[in-house]
Amino acid sequence: MVKRAIVEVEVEGAKEARTLYMALMPETKSSPTDKTSARIYVSKQKIKITIETDTTSSLRAALNSYLSWISSILKTLKYLK
């Protein structure tokens, strides 16, 4: 059975959303295992990430990674302002 998590992040503007999207896009292209896949979408001030995998532990690991990357990117963008 496929496990799925969907994360939506709303940011201050379209430029920030696009920057977040571009920073995360390479991570969706190369997953560390064949069990996990991720897709990312951007729409105005939001990004949406869908993670799918076979096991709960793989889903948790991928989700933790994406949330950590999002946090780091947003902190960096805030610092650069």
N, C-alpha and C. Protein backbone atom coordinates (compact mmCIF):
# COMPACT_ATOMS: atom_id res chain seq x y z
N MET A 1 0.83 -1.18 0.00
CA MET A 1 0.00 0.00 0.00
C MET A 1 0.88 1.25 0.00
N VAL A 2 0.53 2.20 -0.83
CA VAL A 2 1.30 3.43 -0.95
C VAL A 2 0.97 4.37 0.21
N LYS A 3 2.01 4.91 0.79
CA LYS A 3 1.88 5.93 1.84
C LYS A 3 2.11 7.28 1.18
N ARG A 4 1.34 8.30 1.58
CA ARG A 4 1.44 9.60 0.93
C ARG A 4 1.36 10.72 1.95
N ALA A 5 2.17 11.74 1.73
CA ALA A 5 2.10 12.97 2.53
C ALA A 5 2.05 14.14 1.56
N ILE A 6 1.23 15.12 1.88
CA ILE A 6 1.12 16.33 1.07
C ILE A 6 1.43 17.51 1.98
N VAL A 7 2.38 18.32 1.55
CA VAL A 7 2.79 19.50 2.32
C VAL A 7 2.53 20.73 1.46
N GLU A 8 1.80 21.69 2.00
CA GLU A 8 1.59 22.96 1.33
C GLU A 8 2.20 24.07 2.18
N VAL A 9 2.98 24.90 1.53
CA VAL A 9 3.63 26.02 2.23
C VAL A 9 3.26 27.30 1.51
N GLU A 10 2.69 28.24 2.25
CA GLU A 10 2.37 29.54 1.69
C GLU A 10 3.41 30.54 2.18
N VAL A 11 3.96 31.30 1.25
CA VAL A 11 5.01 32.27 1.56
C VAL A 11 4.51 33.68 1.22
N GLU A 12 5.39 34.67 1.42
CA GLU A 12 4.98 36.07 1.28
C GLU A 12 4.65 36.50 -0.15
N GLY A 13 5.33 35.94 -1.12
CA GLY A 13 5.09 36.38 -2.49
C GLY A 13 5.44 35.31 -3.51
N ALA A 14 5.08 35.59 -4.75
CA ALA A 14 5.32 34.65 -5.84
C ALA A 14 6.82 34.44 -6.08
N LYS A 15 7.61 35.49 -5.91
CA LYS A 15 9.05 35.36 -6.11
C LYS A 15 9.66 34.41 -5.08
N GLU A 16 9.25 34.53 -3.83
CA GLU A 16 9.74 33.65 -2.77
C GLU A 16 9.29 32.20 -3.01
N ALA A 17 8.05 32.03 -3.48
CA ALA A 17 7.55 30.69 -3.78
C ALA A 17 8.35 30.06 -4.91
N ARG A 18 8.65 30.85 -5.92
CA ARG A 18 9.42 30.34 -7.08
C ARG A 18 10.85 29.98 -6.64
N THR A 19 11.44 30.78 -5.78
CA THR A 19 12.79 30.49 -5.26
C THR A 19 12.78 29.19 -4.47
N LEU A 20 11.80 29.01 -3.63
CA LEU A 20 11.66 27.79 -2.85
C LEU A 20 11.48 26.58 -3.78
N TYR A 21 10.66 26.74 -4.76
CA TYR A 21 10.43 25.69 -5.76
C TYR A 21 11.72 25.31 -6.47
N MET A 22 12.45 26.29 -6.94
CA MET A 22 13.70 26.03 -7.68
C MET A 22 14.76 25.38 -6.78
N ALA A 23 14.78 25.73 -5.52
CA ALA A 23 15.75 25.15 -4.59
C ALA A 23 15.42 23.69 -4.28
N LEU A 24 14.14 23.35 -4.24
CA LEU A 24 13.73 21.99 -3.90
C LEU A 24 13.63 21.06 -5.10
N MET A 25 13.48 21.62 -6.28
CA MET A 25 13.27 20.81 -7.48
C MET A 25 14.34 19.72 -7.68
N PRO A 26 15.64 20.02 -7.52
CA PRO A 26 16.64 18.96 -7.72
C PRO A 26 16.46 17.77 -6.78
N GLU A 27 15.93 18.01 -5.60
CA GLU A 27 15.71 16.92 -4.64
C GLU A 27 14.61 15.98 -5.11
N THR A 28 13.66 16.48 -5.87
CA THR A 28 12.58 15.62 -6.36
C THR A 28 13.04 14.76 -7.53
N LYS A 29 14.10 15.18 -8.20
CA LYS A 29 14.61 14.45 -9.36
C LYS A 29 15.46 13.25 -8.97
N SER A 30 16.12 13.31 -7.83
CA SER A 30 17.02 12.21 -7.44
C SER A 30 16.73 11.77 -6.01
N SER A 31 15.94 10.74 -5.89
CA SER A 31 15.60 10.18 -4.58
C SER A 31 16.68 9.20 -4.16
N PRO A 32 17.00 9.14 -2.87
CA PRO A 32 18.04 8.21 -2.42
C PRO A 32 17.67 6.74 -2.62
N THR A 33 16.38 6.43 -2.70
CA THR A 33 15.95 5.05 -2.95
C THR A 33 14.87 5.04 -4.01
N ASP A 34 14.65 3.87 -4.59
CA ASP A 34 13.59 3.73 -5.59
C ASP A 34 12.20 3.67 -4.94
N LYS A 35 12.17 3.50 -3.62
CA LYS A 35 10.89 3.36 -2.92
C LYS A 35 10.14 4.69 -2.77
N THR A 36 10.86 5.80 -2.86
CA THR A 36 10.27 7.10 -2.57
C THR A 36 10.26 7.98 -3.80
N SER A 37 9.14 8.66 -4.02
CA SER A 37 9.06 9.65 -5.10
C SER A 37 8.43 10.92 -4.54
N ALA A 38 8.80 12.04 -5.13
CA ALA A 38 8.25 13.33 -4.69
C ALA A 38 7.98 14.19 -5.92
N ARG A 39 6.91 14.94 -5.83
CA ARG A 39 6.57 15.91 -6.87
C ARG A 39 6.35 17.26 -6.20
N ILE A 40 6.72 18.30 -6.90
CA ILE A 40 6.58 19.64 -6.34
C ILE A 40 5.88 20.54 -7.36
N TYR A 41 4.99 21.38 -6.86
CA TYR A 41 4.23 22.31 -7.69
C TYR A 41 4.31 23.69 -7.07
N VAL A 42 4.26 24.70 -7.93
CA VAL A 42 4.25 26.07 -7.44
C VAL A 42 3.05 26.78 -8.04
N SER A 43 2.38 27.60 -7.22
CA SER A 43 1.22 28.35 -7.66
C SER A 43 1.16 29.65 -6.87
N LYS A 44 1.45 30.73 -7.53
CA LYS A 44 1.46 32.06 -6.90
C LYS A 44 2.31 32.06 -5.64
N GLN A 45 1.69 32.12 -4.47
CA GLN A 45 2.42 32.22 -3.22
C GLN A 45 2.55 30.89 -2.49
N LYS A 46 2.26 29.78 -3.16
CA LYS A 46 2.27 28.47 -2.50
C LYS A 46 3.13 27.48 -3.26
N ILE A 47 3.73 26.58 -2.49
CA ILE A 47 4.30 25.38 -3.10
C ILE A 47 3.60 24.19 -2.45
N LYS A 48 3.48 23.14 -3.23
CA LYS A 48 2.86 21.91 -2.75
C LYS A 48 3.79 20.76 -3.09
N ILE A 49 4.10 19.95 -2.09
CA ILE A 49 4.98 18.80 -2.27
C ILE A 49 4.18 17.55 -1.94
N THR A 50 4.19 16.58 -2.86
CA THR A 50 3.55 15.30 -2.63
C THR A 50 4.63 14.24 -2.58
N ILE A 51 4.69 13.51 -1.48
CA ILE A 51 5.68 12.46 -1.28
C ILE A 51 4.94 11.13 -1.21
N GLU A 52 5.41 10.15 -1.99
CA GLU A 52 4.82 8.82 -1.97
C GLU A 52 5.91 7.78 -1.77
N THR A 53 5.58 6.76 -0.98
CA THR A 53 6.55 5.71 -0.69
C THR A 53 5.83 4.44 -0.25
N ASP A 54 6.59 3.36 -0.10
CA ASP A 54 6.02 2.06 0.29
C ASP A 54 5.85 1.90 1.79
N THR A 55 6.74 2.50 2.56
CA THR A 55 6.74 2.26 4.01
C THR A 55 6.58 3.56 4.79
N THR A 56 6.06 3.42 5.98
CA THR A 56 5.88 4.57 6.86
C THR A 56 7.22 5.17 7.25
N SER A 57 8.21 4.33 7.50
CA SER A 57 9.52 4.86 7.90
C SER A 57 10.17 5.65 6.76
N SER A 58 10.02 5.20 5.52
CA SER A 58 10.55 5.95 4.38
C SER A 58 9.82 7.27 4.21
N LEU A 59 8.51 7.25 4.43
CA LEU A 59 7.72 8.48 4.33
C LEU A 59 8.16 9.48 5.39
N ARG A 60 8.35 9.00 6.62
CA ARG A 60 8.79 9.87 7.70
C ARG A 60 10.16 10.48 7.39
N ALA A 61 11.08 9.67 6.89
CA ALA A 61 12.42 10.16 6.57
C ALA A 61 12.37 11.22 5.47
N ALA A 62 11.61 10.95 4.42
CA ALA A 62 11.50 11.91 3.31
C ALA A 62 10.82 13.20 3.78
N LEU A 63 9.76 13.06 4.56
CA LEU A 63 9.05 14.23 5.07
C LEU A 63 9.96 15.08 5.95
N ASN A 64 10.71 14.43 6.83
CA ASN A 64 11.67 15.17 7.67
C ASN A 64 12.69 15.92 6.83
N SER A 65 13.18 15.28 5.79
CA SER A 65 14.16 15.93 4.91
C SER A 65 13.57 17.16 4.24
N TYR A 66 12.38 17.01 3.64
CA TYR A 66 11.77 18.15 2.95
C TYR A 66 11.43 19.29 3.91
N LEU A 67 10.91 18.97 5.08
CA LEU A 67 10.60 20.02 6.04
C LEU A 67 11.85 20.74 6.52
N SER A 68 12.93 20.01 6.69
CA SER A 68 14.20 20.61 7.09
C SER A 68 14.73 21.53 5.99
N TRP A 69 14.68 21.07 4.75
CA TRP A 69 15.14 21.90 3.63
C TRP A 69 14.30 23.16 3.51
N ILE A 70 12.98 23.02 3.63
CA ILE A 70 12.10 24.18 3.54
C ILE A 70 12.44 25.19 4.63
N SER A 71 12.62 24.71 5.83
CA SER A 71 12.97 25.59 6.95
C SER A 71 14.29 26.32 6.68
N SER A 72 15.28 25.61 6.23
CA SER A 72 16.59 26.21 5.95
C SER A 72 16.50 27.25 4.84
N ILE A 73 15.78 26.94 3.79
CA ILE A 73 15.65 27.86 2.66
C ILE A 73 14.92 29.13 3.09
N LEU A 74 13.83 28.98 3.84
CA LEU A 74 13.07 30.15 4.28
C LEU A 74 13.88 31.01 5.25
N LYS A 75 14.66 30.40 6.13
CA LYS A 75 15.53 31.16 7.03
C LYS A 75 16.59 31.92 6.24
N THR A 76 17.15 31.29 5.22
CA THR A 76 18.15 31.95 4.38
C THR A 76 17.55 33.13 3.64
N LEU A 77 16.36 32.94 3.07
CA LEU A 77 15.69 34.03 2.36
C LEU A 77 15.39 35.19 3.30
N LYS A 78 14.95 34.88 4.51
CA LYS A 78 14.67 35.91 5.50
C LYS A 78 15.95 36.68 5.86
N TYR A 79 17.04 35.95 6.02
CA TYR A 79 18.34 36.57 6.35
C TYR A 79 18.80 37.50 5.22
N LEU A 80 18.58 37.08 3.97
CA LEU A 80 19.03 37.86 2.82
C LEU A 80 18.23 39.13 2.60
N LYS A 81 17.03 39.21 3.17
CA LYS A 81 16.21 40.43 3.02
C LYS A 81 16.81 41.52 3.78
